[in-house]
């Protein structure tokens, strides 16, 4: 088995808990435009495999938008065009099960207890205990005030069970303490400067030193902040197709053991890896298309271990 690196992500799919996890054995990419989840074992694309049964029936997906992996290695997919969450046991599609959510799903996150969080285009964030919808809780309405979202896209849960939401059309990060909206705190406004985001916040993860790292899709950059106050604001990337450049960065994965980032560079149809926030060790894989080693409008990535 080829290995991409070692991960010590906090919790099930990079969420809560601080548990040392096994080595990364495969990267998974939600290749939205090609209606598939692609997997490969190194940044040369070795071991390429894809789950690509397209449609709206059992065992199928259409428009996989976001992806997460739980502590058992099961894969969760925001099946965007079918308005459902899909879970499969592995990249072959074994163990396929779905849960209809009534609106197009965007961000998805699985915490260390196996609870599934997801953001919907109906301007809500949601949590359920399992794939049958046990204890389903919904929070949010449409708007820009307290308790309101406009196209929430990214969702992340920290070790204190605080929920971070990329409130895309409001160009802000929202943090709440629970699914009732307690502790409502926001950071950000629309723009291109310090403390500002575009209108599409695709991913929030914990980066090096426990910082928050945000994919500022429309501004072609990653943003790193110390906390929800925005302290320590740092950006990496600029528009383009070369080294140290992005065209709509979307999914982000941080591997703390190796101190490396993986980013889905959506507009350039590639995955890039680098060592730090100045781009040391920049490596790219992928091209535009629908074949092996190619992507078409990919939005997210996750790791199997």
Protein backbone atom coordinates (compact mmCIF):
# COMPACT_ATOMS: atom_id res chain seq x y z
CA UNK A 1 0.00 0.00 0.00
CA UNK A 2 1.37 3.40 -0.95
CA UNK A 3 1.11 6.06 1.72
CA UNK A 4 0.48 9.76 1.34
CA UNK A 5 1.37 10.73 4.87
CA UNK A 6 0.30 10.35 8.46
CA UNK A 7 -2.63 12.15 9.98
CA UNK A 8 -3.47 13.16 13.51
CA UNK A 9 -6.74 14.84 12.73
CA UNK A 10 -9.03 15.61 15.62
CA UNK A 11 -11.94 13.23 15.52
CA UNK A 12 -13.80 11.02 13.06
CA UNK A 13 -13.36 12.83 9.74
CA UNK A 14 -11.01 15.56 10.81
CA UNK A 15 -13.27 16.86 13.51
CA UNK A 16 -13.17 16.47 17.26
CA UNK A 17 -11.16 14.45 19.69
CA UNK A 18 -7.41 14.78 19.04
CA UNK A 19 -6.99 11.05 18.36
CA UNK A 20 -3.87 9.84 16.56
CA UNK A 21 -5.09 8.20 13.37
CA UNK A 22 -3.46 5.72 10.99
CA UNK A 23 -1.45 6.68 7.95
CA UNK A 24 -3.32 8.09 4.99
CA UNK A 25 -3.74 5.27 2.48
CA UNK A 26 -5.92 7.00 -0.13
CA UNK A 27 -7.11 10.46 -1.05
CA UNK A 28 -10.75 10.72 -2.12
CA UNK A 29 -11.96 13.52 -4.38
CA UNK A 30 -15.60 14.49 -4.91
CA UNK A 31 -15.41 14.94 -8.69
CA UNK A 32 -18.74 16.71 -9.05
CA UNK A 33 -18.78 17.35 -12.79
CA UNK A 34 -17.86 13.75 -13.58
CA UNK A 35 -20.44 12.34 -11.14
CA UNK A 36 -17.91 10.23 -9.29
CA UNK A 37 -15.72 9.89 -6.25
CA UNK A 38 -12.13 9.28 -7.35
CA UNK A 39 -9.44 7.71 -5.20
CA UNK A 40 -5.66 7.52 -5.57
CA UNK A 41 -2.78 6.62 -3.32
CA UNK A 42 -0.11 9.22 -4.09
CA UNK A 43 0.39 12.54 -5.84
CA UNK A 44 1.29 10.74 -9.06
CA UNK A 45 -2.23 9.29 -9.17
CA UNK A 46 -1.18 5.71 -8.45
CA UNK A 47 -3.91 3.23 -7.67
CA UNK A 48 -6.60 5.32 -9.39
CA UNK A 49 -10.11 4.00 -8.74
CA UNK A 50 -13.54 5.60 -8.99
CA UNK A 51 -17.04 5.08 -7.66
CA UNK A 52 -19.10 6.32 -10.60
CA UNK A 53 -22.51 4.63 -10.77
CA UNK A 54 -24.49 7.67 -11.94
CA UNK A 55 -28.19 8.20 -11.32
CA UNK A 56 -30.84 8.72 -8.71
CA UNK A 57 -31.52 5.16 -7.65
CA UNK A 58 -30.10 2.83 -5.05
CA UNK A 59 -26.35 2.45 -5.33
CA UNK A 60 -26.03 5.63 -7.40
CA UNK A 61 -24.90 9.23 -7.02
CA UNK A 62 -25.31 12.39 -9.09
CA UNK A 63 -23.24 15.48 -8.46
CA UNK A 64 -21.15 14.43 -5.42
CA UNK A 65 -20.36 17.83 -3.91
CA UNK A 66 -18.77 17.28 -0.51
CA UNK A 67 -17.26 14.24 1.15
CA UNK A 68 -16.31 13.06 4.64
CA UNK A 69 -14.92 9.91 6.24
CA UNK A 70 -15.79 8.55 9.68
CA UNK A 71 -13.61 6.71 12.18
CA UNK A 72 -14.58 3.38 10.61
CA UNK A 73 -13.45 4.50 7.16
CA UNK A 74 -16.97 4.80 5.78
CA UNK A 75 -17.46 7.49 3.16
CA UNK A 76 -20.22 10.12 3.35
CA UNK A 77 -21.23 11.99 0.21
CA UNK A 78 -23.36 15.09 -0.30
CA UNK A 79 -25.35 13.71 -3.24
CA UNK A 80 -26.25 17.18 -4.46
CA UNK A 81 -28.48 16.47 -7.47
CA UNK A 82 -30.46 13.85 -5.55
CA UNK A 83 -30.93 15.94 -2.37
CA UNK A 84 -29.67 13.19 -0.12
CA UNK A 85 -26.75 12.06 1.99
CA UNK A 86 -25.15 8.81 0.82
CA UNK A 87 -22.88 6.57 2.85
CA UNK A 88 -20.76 3.78 1.39
CA UNK A 89 -18.45 1.37 3.17
CA UNK A 90 -15.64 1.79 0.65
CA UNK A 91 -14.77 3.18 -2.77
CA UNK A 92 -16.49 0.24 -4.50
CA UNK A 93 -19.87 1.46 -3.25
CA UNK A 94 -20.44 -1.51 -0.96
CA UNK A 95 -22.91 -0.96 1.86
CA UNK A 96 -24.66 1.90 0.02
CA UNK A 97 -27.32 3.63 2.12
CA UNK A 98 -28.98 7.03 1.76
CA UNK A 99 -31.02 9.56 3.69
CA UNK A 100 -33.18 12.11 1.89
CA UNK A 101 -32.71 15.66 3.16
CA UNK A 102 -35.24 17.54 1.02
CA UNK A 103 -32.79 20.16 -0.28
CA UNK A 104 -29.44 20.09 -2.07
CA UNK A 105 -26.73 19.24 0.48
CA UNK A 106 -23.44 21.09 0.57
CA UNK A 107 -20.93 20.81 3.44
CA UNK A 108 -20.80 17.58 5.44
CA UNK A 109 -18.89 16.62 8.58
CA UNK A 110 -18.85 13.54 10.82
CA UNK A 111 -17.73 14.02 14.42
CA UNK A 112 -15.93 11.60 16.70
CA UNK A 113 -19.26 10.22 17.98
CA UNK A 114 -20.43 9.47 14.45
CA UNK A 115 -22.98 12.29 14.34
CA UNK A 116 -23.49 13.67 10.85
CA UNK A 117 -23.61 17.44 10.28
CA UNK A 118 -24.66 18.89 6.94
CA UNK A 119 -25.49 22.25 5.41
CA UNK A 120 -28.39 22.58 2.97
CA UNK A 121 -29.32 25.04 0.24
CA UNK A 122 -32.50 25.80 2.17
CA UNK A 123 -30.27 27.92 4.44
CA UNK A 124 -30.13 25.49 7.35
CA UNK A 125 -27.51 23.46 9.19
CA UNK A 126 -28.50 20.02 10.41
CA UNK A 127 -27.32 17.18 12.60
CA UNK A 128 -28.44 13.57 12.90
CA UNK A 129 -27.09 10.66 14.89
CA UNK A 130 -27.08 8.11 12.08
CA UNK A 131 -28.16 7.40 8.52
CA UNK A 132 -31.75 6.74 9.57
CA UNK A 133 -32.13 10.36 10.72
CA UNK A 134 -32.27 9.60 14.43
CA UNK A 135 -32.51 12.80 16.51
CA UNK A 136 -32.45 15.03 13.44
CA UNK A 137 -32.04 18.67 14.49
CA UNK A 138 -32.31 21.65 12.13
CA UNK A 139 -31.18 25.20 12.82
CA UNK A 140 -31.37 28.40 10.80
CA UNK A 141 -33.56 30.35 8.43
CA UNK A 142 -32.81 32.51 5.40
CA UNK A 143 -31.33 35.93 6.09
CA UNK A 144 -28.30 37.81 7.33
CA UNK A 145 -29.13 38.31 11.00
CA UNK A 146 -28.63 36.25 14.13
CA UNK A 147 -29.80 32.68 13.59
CA UNK A 148 -29.89 33.18 9.83
CA UNK A 149 -27.83 31.86 6.93
CA UNK A 150 -27.63 32.48 3.22
CA UNK A 151 -26.31 29.44 1.35
CA UNK A 152 -24.30 27.80 4.13
CA UNK A 153 -21.62 25.74 2.41
CA UNK A 154 -18.82 24.65 4.75
CA UNK A 155 -19.35 23.01 8.13
CA UNK A 156 -16.78 22.01 10.75
CA UNK A 157 -17.10 20.93 14.41
CA UNK A 158 -14.27 21.40 16.90
CA UNK A 159 -13.24 19.40 19.96
CA UNK A 160 -15.62 21.45 22.13
CA UNK A 161 -18.56 20.61 19.84
CA UNK A 162 -18.72 24.19 18.59
CA UNK A 163 -20.04 24.35 15.05
CA UNK A 164 -18.42 26.56 12.40
CA UNK A 165 -20.37 27.40 9.26
CA UNK A 166 -19.16 29.00 6.05
CA UNK A 167 -22.15 31.30 5.52
CA UNK A 168 -21.28 31.83 1.88
CA UNK A 169 -23.67 34.46 0.54
CA UNK A 170 -23.22 36.47 3.74
CA UNK A 171 -19.42 36.28 3.29
CA UNK A 172 -18.83 35.31 6.90
CA UNK A 173 -17.90 32.53 9.28
CA UNK A 174 -20.50 31.73 11.94
CA UNK A 175 -19.73 29.85 15.15
CA UNK A 176 -22.43 28.45 17.41
CA UNK A 177 -22.05 26.48 20.63
CA UNK A 178 -24.86 24.04 19.94
CA UNK A 179 -27.61 23.20 17.46
CA UNK A 180 -29.92 25.67 19.19
CA UNK A 181 -27.72 28.56 18.04
CA UNK A 182 -26.33 29.50 21.47
CA UNK A 183 -23.14 31.52 21.46
CA UNK A 184 -23.81 32.99 18.00
CA UNK A 185 -20.58 34.67 16.82
CA UNK A 186 -19.61 35.86 13.37
CA UNK A 187 -16.50 37.03 11.56
CA UNK A 188 -16.11 38.48 8.08
CA UNK A 189 -17.75 40.67 5.48
CA UNK A 190 -17.77 40.80 1.70
CA UNK A 191 -14.65 41.91 -0.11
CA UNK A 192 -11.08 41.07 -0.98
CA UNK A 193 -9.15 42.60 1.91
CA UNK A 194 -8.26 41.66 5.46
CA UNK A 195 -11.26 40.24 7.30
CA UNK A 196 -13.19 39.83 4.06
CA UNK A 197 -14.37 36.86 2.03
CA UNK A 198 -15.99 36.36 -1.33
CA UNK A 199 -19.46 34.87 -1.64
CA UNK A 200 -18.41 31.23 -1.58
CA UNK A 201 -16.71 29.79 1.51
CA UNK A 202 -16.16 26.19 0.53
CA UNK A 203 -14.28 24.59 3.44
CA UNK A 204 -13.22 25.19 7.04
CA UNK A 205 -10.60 22.95 8.68
CA UNK A 206 -8.14 23.04 11.57
CA UNK A 207 -4.66 23.77 10.30
CA UNK A 208 -1.24 23.89 11.90
CA UNK A 209 -1.17 25.15 15.48
CA UNK A 210 -4.94 24.75 15.76
CA UNK A 211 -5.61 27.69 13.44
CA UNK A 212 -8.71 27.83 11.29
CA UNK A 213 -8.04 27.50 7.56
CA UNK A 214 -10.75 28.64 5.14
CA UNK A 215 -11.01 28.22 1.39
CA UNK A 216 -11.97 31.67 0.07
CA UNK A 217 -13.12 30.32 -3.28
CA UNK A 218 -14.05 33.53 -5.09
CA UNK A 219 -10.86 35.31 -3.98
CA UNK A 220 -8.63 32.44 -5.16
CA UNK A 221 -6.88 32.06 -1.82
CA UNK A 222 -6.72 30.25 1.48
CA UNK A 223 -7.19 32.24 4.67
CA UNK A 224 -5.70 31.33 8.04
CA UNK A 225 -6.90 32.88 11.28
CA UNK A 226 -6.13 32.08 14.90
CA UNK A 227 -9.76 32.06 15.98
CA UNK A 228 -13.21 33.45 15.24
CA UNK A 229 -12.00 36.97 16.07
CA UNK A 230 -9.90 36.94 12.91
CA UNK A 231 -6.63 37.44 14.78
CA UNK A 232 -3.51 36.37 12.88
CA UNK A 233 -5.11 36.90 9.46
CA UNK A 234 -2.83 35.37 6.81
CA UNK A 235 -3.54 34.47 3.20
CA UNK A 236 -1.90 32.16 0.71
CA UNK A 237 -2.41 31.98 -3.05
CA UNK A 238 -3.37 34.21 -5.95
CA UNK A 239 -5.30 33.71 -9.16
CA UNK A 240 -3.67 31.60 -11.84
CA UNK A 241 -2.74 28.14 -13.02
CA UNK A 242 0.92 28.04 -12.00
CA UNK A 243 2.76 27.15 -8.84
CA UNK A 244 1.42 28.83 -5.69
CA UNK A 245 -1.73 29.85 -7.58
CA UNK A 246 -5.38 28.80 -7.44
CA UNK A 247 -8.46 29.15 -9.57
CA UNK A 248 -11.28 28.77 -7.04
CA UNK A 249 -9.77 26.62 -4.28
CA UNK A 250 -12.47 24.45 -2.78
CA UNK A 251 -11.77 21.41 -0.61
CA UNK A 252 -8.95 21.55 1.96
CA UNK A 253 -7.36 18.78 4.00
CA UNK A 254 -4.61 19.29 6.58
CA UNK A 255 -2.30 16.45 7.60
CA UNK A 256 -0.69 17.56 10.90
CA UNK A 257 1.75 14.65 11.22
CA UNK A 258 3.41 15.61 7.94
CA UNK A 259 2.52 19.30 8.22
CA UNK A 260 1.04 19.27 4.73
CA UNK A 261 -2.03 20.70 3.06
CA UNK A 262 -4.02 19.17 0.22
CA UNK A 263 -6.31 21.46 -1.77
CA UNK A 264 -8.81 20.83 -4.55
CA UNK A 265 -8.01 23.57 -7.06
CA UNK A 266 -11.42 23.55 -8.70
CA UNK A 267 -10.89 25.80 -11.71
CA UNK A 268 -7.58 24.16 -12.59
CA UNK A 269 -8.95 20.61 -12.26
CA UNK A 270 -6.15 19.48 -10.00
CA UNK A 271 -5.22 18.57 -6.45
CA UNK A 272 -2.21 20.35 -4.96
CA UNK A 273 -0.10 19.56 -1.93
CA UNK A 274 2.26 21.87 -0.06
CA UNK A 275 4.09 21.98 3.25
CA UNK A 276 3.21 25.37 4.71
CA UNK A 277 1.40 28.64 4.16
CA UNK A 278 4.05 29.94 1.78
CA UNK A 279 3.70 26.93 -0.52
CA UNK A 280 6.96 25.10 0.15
CA UNK A 281 7.03 21.69 -1.56
CA UNK A 282 4.25 22.58 -4.01
CA UNK A 283 3.15 19.46 -5.93
CA UNK A 284 0.20 19.21 -8.31
CA UNK A 285 -1.72 16.29 -9.77
CA UNK A 286 -4.59 16.21 -12.27
CA UNK A 287 -5.85 17.66 -15.52
CA UNK A 288 -9.18 18.57 -17.05
CA UNK A 289 -11.25 15.70 -18.35
CA UNK A 290 -13.19 12.59 -17.41
CA UNK A 291 -10.54 9.90 -17.62
CA UNK A 292 -7.97 8.46 -15.25
CA UNK A 293 -6.07 11.21 -13.48
CA UNK A 294 -8.53 13.86 -14.61
CA UNK A 295 -11.14 15.98 -12.85
CA UNK A 296 -14.13 18.01 -13.91
CA UNK A 297 -15.39 20.61 -11.46
CA UNK A 298 -14.19 18.81 -8.32
CA UNK A 299 -15.12 20.41 -5.00
CA UNK A 300 -13.85 18.44 -2.05
CA UNK A 301 -11.47 15.80 -0.75
CA UNK A 302 -11.03 13.52 2.24
CA UNK A 303 -8.61 10.81 3.34
CA UNK A 304 -8.89 7.11 4.05
CA UNK A 305 -6.54 5.75 6.64
